[in-house]
Amino acid sequence: MISKREVVTSGMVITGTLFLNTKPFCVLFDSSATHSFISTQSALQLDIELVKVERNYRIKLPNDFIIECPILYKHVLISIGVLGI
């Protein structure tokens, strides 16, 4: 979990555009993160198959809050590159 101010001053966080299944999404890259998440609204825009898991993934955030994730997306093509080069 990181604040907007920390994004600006952190050398480990980069904002940018990520292409998922050829659709652009605004993202926050945190090189120290152990998990990646996508909003429900963004996931609905993608034409990918979701997998409902038998047991929810329980993920503890840095603020000690625990979230449960019942859905997993597998084999999502991610393209990272620099535009204009």
N, C-alpha and C. Protein backbone atom coordinates (compact mmCIF):
# COMPACT_ATOMS: atom_id res chain seq x y z
N MET A 1 0.85 -1.15 0.00
CA MET A 1 0.00 0.00 0.00
C MET A 1 0.90 1.23 0.00
N ILE A 2 0.60 2.17 -0.88
CA ILE A 2 1.46 3.34 -1.03
C ILE A 2 0.60 4.56 -1.33
N SER A 3 0.99 5.69 -0.80
CA SER A 3 0.23 6.93 -1.04
C SER A 3 0.70 7.60 -2.33
N LYS A 4 -0.10 8.55 -2.82
CA LYS A 4 0.29 9.30 -4.03
C LYS A 4 1.61 10.02 -3.82
N ARG A 5 1.83 10.58 -2.65
CA ARG A 5 3.07 11.30 -2.35
C ARG A 5 4.26 10.34 -2.39
N GLU A 6 4.08 9.13 -1.86
CA GLU A 6 5.16 8.15 -1.87
C GLU A 6 5.50 7.69 -3.28
N VAL A 7 4.50 7.66 -4.16
CA VAL A 7 4.73 7.28 -5.56
C VAL A 7 5.72 8.25 -6.19
N VAL A 8 5.53 9.54 -5.92
CA VAL A 8 6.38 10.57 -6.52
C VAL A 8 7.81 10.48 -5.99
N THR A 9 7.98 10.19 -4.71
CA THR A 9 9.32 10.21 -4.11
C THR A 9 10.02 8.86 -4.09
N SER A 10 9.28 7.80 -4.34
CA SER A 10 9.88 6.46 -4.29
C SER A 10 10.63 6.14 -5.57
N GLY A 11 11.79 5.57 -5.43
CA GLY A 11 12.54 5.13 -6.60
C GLY A 11 12.14 3.74 -7.06
N MET A 12 11.21 3.11 -6.34
CA MET A 12 10.81 1.73 -6.65
C MET A 12 9.45 1.65 -7.33
N VAL A 13 8.80 2.78 -7.53
CA VAL A 13 7.45 2.77 -8.10
C VAL A 13 7.43 3.58 -9.39
N ILE A 14 6.82 3.01 -10.40
CA ILE A 14 6.73 3.65 -11.71
C ILE A 14 5.28 3.60 -12.16
N THR A 15 4.77 4.69 -12.71
CA THR A 15 3.44 4.68 -13.30
C THR A 15 3.60 4.56 -14.81
N GLY A 16 2.61 4.00 -15.44
CA GLY A 16 2.70 3.85 -16.88
C GLY A 16 1.47 3.18 -17.46
N THR A 17 1.61 2.73 -18.68
CA THR A 17 0.53 2.05 -19.38
C THR A 17 0.94 0.61 -19.61
N LEU A 18 0.04 -0.29 -19.30
CA LEU A 18 0.26 -1.71 -19.49
C LEU A 18 -0.79 -2.21 -20.47
N PHE A 19 -0.38 -3.01 -21.43
CA PHE A 19 -1.32 -3.56 -22.39
C PHE A 19 -1.66 -4.99 -21.98
N LEU A 20 -2.93 -5.23 -21.69
CA LEU A 20 -3.43 -6.56 -21.38
C LEU A 20 -4.37 -6.96 -22.50
N ASN A 21 -4.04 -8.05 -23.18
CA ASN A 21 -4.82 -8.48 -24.34
C ASN A 21 -5.04 -7.33 -25.31
N THR A 22 -4.00 -6.58 -25.56
CA THR A 22 -3.91 -5.44 -26.49
C THR A 22 -4.70 -4.21 -26.06
N LYS A 23 -5.26 -4.18 -24.86
CA LYS A 23 -6.00 -3.01 -24.37
C LYS A 23 -5.13 -2.27 -23.35
N PRO A 24 -5.04 -0.93 -23.48
CA PRO A 24 -4.19 -0.17 -22.56
C PRO A 24 -4.86 0.08 -21.21
N PHE A 25 -4.08 -0.06 -20.14
CA PHE A 25 -4.55 0.23 -18.79
C PHE A 25 -3.50 1.05 -18.07
N CYS A 26 -3.94 2.05 -17.32
CA CYS A 26 -3.03 2.85 -16.50
C CYS A 26 -2.68 2.00 -15.28
N VAL A 27 -1.38 1.88 -14.99
CA VAL A 27 -0.94 1.00 -13.91
C VAL A 27 0.11 1.66 -13.03
N LEU A 28 0.28 1.06 -11.88
CA LEU A 28 1.31 1.44 -10.94
C LEU A 28 2.20 0.22 -10.76
N PHE A 29 3.46 0.32 -11.15
CA PHE A 29 4.42 -0.78 -11.00
C PHE A 29 5.17 -0.57 -9.70
N ASP A 30 5.10 -1.52 -8.81
CA ASP A 30 5.85 -1.47 -7.56
C ASP A 30 6.78 -2.67 -7.53
N SER A 31 8.07 -2.43 -7.69
CA SER A 31 9.02 -3.53 -7.80
C SER A 31 9.16 -4.33 -6.51
N SER A 32 8.66 -3.81 -5.39
CA SER A 32 8.74 -4.56 -4.14
C SER A 32 7.45 -5.32 -3.83
N ALA A 33 6.46 -5.21 -4.71
CA ALA A 33 5.18 -5.88 -4.47
C ALA A 33 5.30 -7.39 -4.67
N THR A 34 4.55 -8.13 -3.89
CA THR A 34 4.55 -9.58 -4.01
C THR A 34 3.34 -10.10 -4.77
N HIS A 35 2.33 -9.26 -4.97
CA HIS A 35 1.12 -9.68 -5.68
C HIS A 35 0.70 -8.58 -6.65
N SER A 36 -0.04 -8.97 -7.67
CA SER A 36 -0.61 -8.02 -8.61
C SER A 36 -2.12 -8.13 -8.57
N PHE A 37 -2.79 -7.00 -8.68
CA PHE A 37 -4.24 -6.97 -8.59
C PHE A 37 -4.80 -6.17 -9.76
N ILE A 38 -6.04 -6.45 -10.10
CA ILE A 38 -6.74 -5.72 -11.14
C ILE A 38 -8.13 -5.40 -10.61
N SER A 39 -8.62 -4.21 -10.93
CA SER A 39 -9.96 -3.84 -10.47
C SER A 39 -11.01 -4.66 -11.22
N THR A 40 -12.15 -4.83 -10.59
CA THR A 40 -13.25 -5.56 -11.24
C THR A 40 -13.64 -4.88 -12.53
N GLN A 41 -13.70 -3.56 -12.54
CA GLN A 41 -14.08 -2.81 -13.74
C GLN A 41 -13.09 -3.08 -14.88
N SER A 42 -11.82 -3.09 -14.57
CA SER A 42 -10.82 -3.36 -15.62
C SER A 42 -10.90 -4.81 -16.09
N ALA A 43 -11.09 -5.73 -15.16
CA ALA A 43 -11.17 -7.15 -15.52
C ALA A 43 -12.35 -7.41 -16.44
N LEU A 44 -13.44 -6.71 -16.25
CA LEU A 44 -14.61 -6.91 -17.10
C LEU A 44 -14.36 -6.46 -18.54
N GLN A 45 -13.42 -5.56 -18.75
CA GLN A 45 -13.09 -5.08 -20.09
C GLN A 45 -12.26 -6.09 -20.88
N LEU A 46 -11.67 -7.03 -20.18
CA LEU A 46 -10.78 -8.00 -20.83
C LEU A 46 -11.55 -9.24 -21.25
N ASP A 47 -11.14 -9.81 -22.33
CA ASP A 47 -11.76 -11.05 -22.81
C ASP A 47 -10.90 -12.23 -22.35
N ILE A 48 -10.86 -12.43 -21.03
CA ILE A 48 -10.05 -13.52 -20.48
C ILE A 48 -10.94 -14.38 -19.59
N GLU A 49 -10.54 -15.61 -19.46
CA GLU A 49 -11.29 -16.56 -18.65
C GLU A 49 -10.86 -16.45 -17.20
N LEU A 50 -11.84 -16.33 -16.31
CA LEU A 50 -11.52 -16.29 -14.89
C LEU A 50 -11.67 -17.67 -14.30
N VAL A 51 -10.95 -17.91 -13.24
CA VAL A 51 -11.00 -19.18 -12.53
C VAL A 51 -11.43 -18.88 -11.11
N LYS A 52 -12.57 -19.45 -10.69
CA LYS A 52 -12.97 -19.30 -9.29
C LYS A 52 -12.26 -20.38 -8.49
N VAL A 53 -11.61 -19.95 -7.45
CA VAL A 53 -10.83 -20.89 -6.65
C VAL A 53 -11.70 -21.49 -5.54
N GLU A 54 -11.35 -22.72 -5.15
CA GLU A 54 -12.12 -23.39 -4.10
C GLU A 54 -11.97 -22.70 -2.75
N ARG A 55 -10.76 -22.25 -2.48
CA ARG A 55 -10.50 -21.52 -1.24
C ARG A 55 -9.98 -20.14 -1.61
N ASN A 56 -10.57 -19.11 -1.03
CA ASN A 56 -10.13 -17.75 -1.33
C ASN A 56 -8.68 -17.55 -0.94
N TYR A 57 -7.96 -16.80 -1.78
CA TYR A 57 -6.61 -16.37 -1.41
C TYR A 57 -6.77 -15.29 -0.35
N ARG A 58 -6.13 -15.49 0.77
CA ARG A 58 -6.17 -14.49 1.84
C ARG A 58 -4.85 -13.72 1.78
N ILE A 59 -4.96 -12.42 1.58
CA ILE A 59 -3.77 -11.59 1.40
C ILE A 59 -3.76 -10.51 2.47
N LYS A 60 -2.66 -10.46 3.21
CA LYS A 60 -2.52 -9.46 4.27
C LYS A 60 -1.79 -8.25 3.71
N LEU A 61 -2.41 -7.10 3.81
CA LEU A 61 -1.83 -5.85 3.33
C LEU A 61 -0.91 -5.25 4.39
N PRO A 62 -0.05 -4.30 3.99
CA PRO A 62 0.87 -3.69 4.97
C PRO A 62 0.18 -3.04 6.16
N ASN A 63 -1.10 -2.64 6.00
CA ASN A 63 -1.82 -2.03 7.12
C ASN A 63 -2.52 -3.08 7.99
N ASP A 64 -2.16 -4.36 7.80
CA ASP A 64 -2.70 -5.51 8.53
C ASP A 64 -4.13 -5.87 8.15
N PHE A 65 -4.70 -5.20 7.16
CA PHE A 65 -6.02 -5.56 6.67
C PHE A 65 -5.89 -6.80 5.80
N ILE A 66 -6.82 -7.73 5.92
CA ILE A 66 -6.79 -8.96 5.12
C ILE A 66 -7.91 -8.92 4.10
N ILE A 67 -7.56 -9.16 2.85
CA ILE A 67 -8.56 -9.26 1.80
C ILE A 67 -8.59 -10.69 1.29
N GLU A 68 -9.76 -11.09 0.81
CA GLU A 68 -9.91 -12.42 0.25
C GLU A 68 -10.20 -12.30 -1.23
N CYS A 69 -9.48 -13.05 -2.03
CA CYS A 69 -9.63 -13.01 -3.48
C CYS A 69 -10.16 -14.37 -3.95
N PRO A 70 -11.41 -14.41 -4.45
CA PRO A 70 -11.99 -15.68 -4.89
C PRO A 70 -11.77 -15.97 -6.37
N ILE A 71 -11.14 -15.05 -7.09
CA ILE A 71 -11.00 -15.19 -8.54
C ILE A 71 -9.53 -15.09 -8.93
N LEU A 72 -9.14 -15.89 -9.91
CA LEU A 72 -7.78 -15.90 -10.41
C LEU A 72 -7.83 -15.82 -11.94
N TYR A 73 -6.94 -15.03 -12.52
CA TYR A 73 -6.81 -14.96 -13.97
C TYR A 73 -5.48 -15.59 -14.33
N LYS A 74 -5.49 -16.54 -15.26
CA LYS A 74 -4.27 -17.22 -15.65
C LYS A 74 -3.94 -16.91 -17.10
N HIS A 75 -2.66 -16.95 -17.42
CA HIS A 75 -2.18 -16.85 -18.79
C HIS A 75 -2.64 -15.56 -19.48
N VAL A 76 -2.48 -14.43 -18.80
CA VAL A 76 -2.81 -13.13 -19.39
C VAL A 76 -1.55 -12.58 -20.04
N LEU A 77 -1.63 -12.30 -21.34
CA LEU A 77 -0.48 -11.77 -22.07
C LEU A 77 -0.25 -10.32 -21.65
N ILE A 78 0.97 -10.01 -21.23
CA ILE A 78 1.34 -8.66 -20.82
C ILE A 78 2.47 -8.19 -21.71
N SER A 79 2.29 -7.01 -22.34
CA SER A 79 3.32 -6.42 -23.19
C SER A 79 3.85 -5.18 -22.51
N ILE A 80 5.16 -5.14 -22.27
CA ILE A 80 5.80 -3.98 -21.66
C ILE A 80 6.83 -3.47 -22.64
N GLY A 81 6.75 -2.18 -22.95
CA GLY A 81 7.70 -1.60 -23.90
C GLY A 81 7.66 -0.09 -23.83
N VAL A 82 8.51 0.51 -24.61
CA VAL A 82 8.60 1.96 -24.67
C VAL A 82 8.04 2.41 -26.01
N LEU A 83 7.07 3.32 -25.97
CA LEU A 83 6.47 3.82 -27.20
C LEU A 83 7.36 4.89 -27.83
N GLY A 84 7.35 4.95 -29.12
CA GLY A 84 8.07 6.00 -29.82
C GLY A 84 9.53 5.71 -30.09
N ILE A 85 9.97 4.52 -29.81
CA ILE A 85 11.38 4.17 -30.08
C ILE A 85 11.44 3.24 -31.27
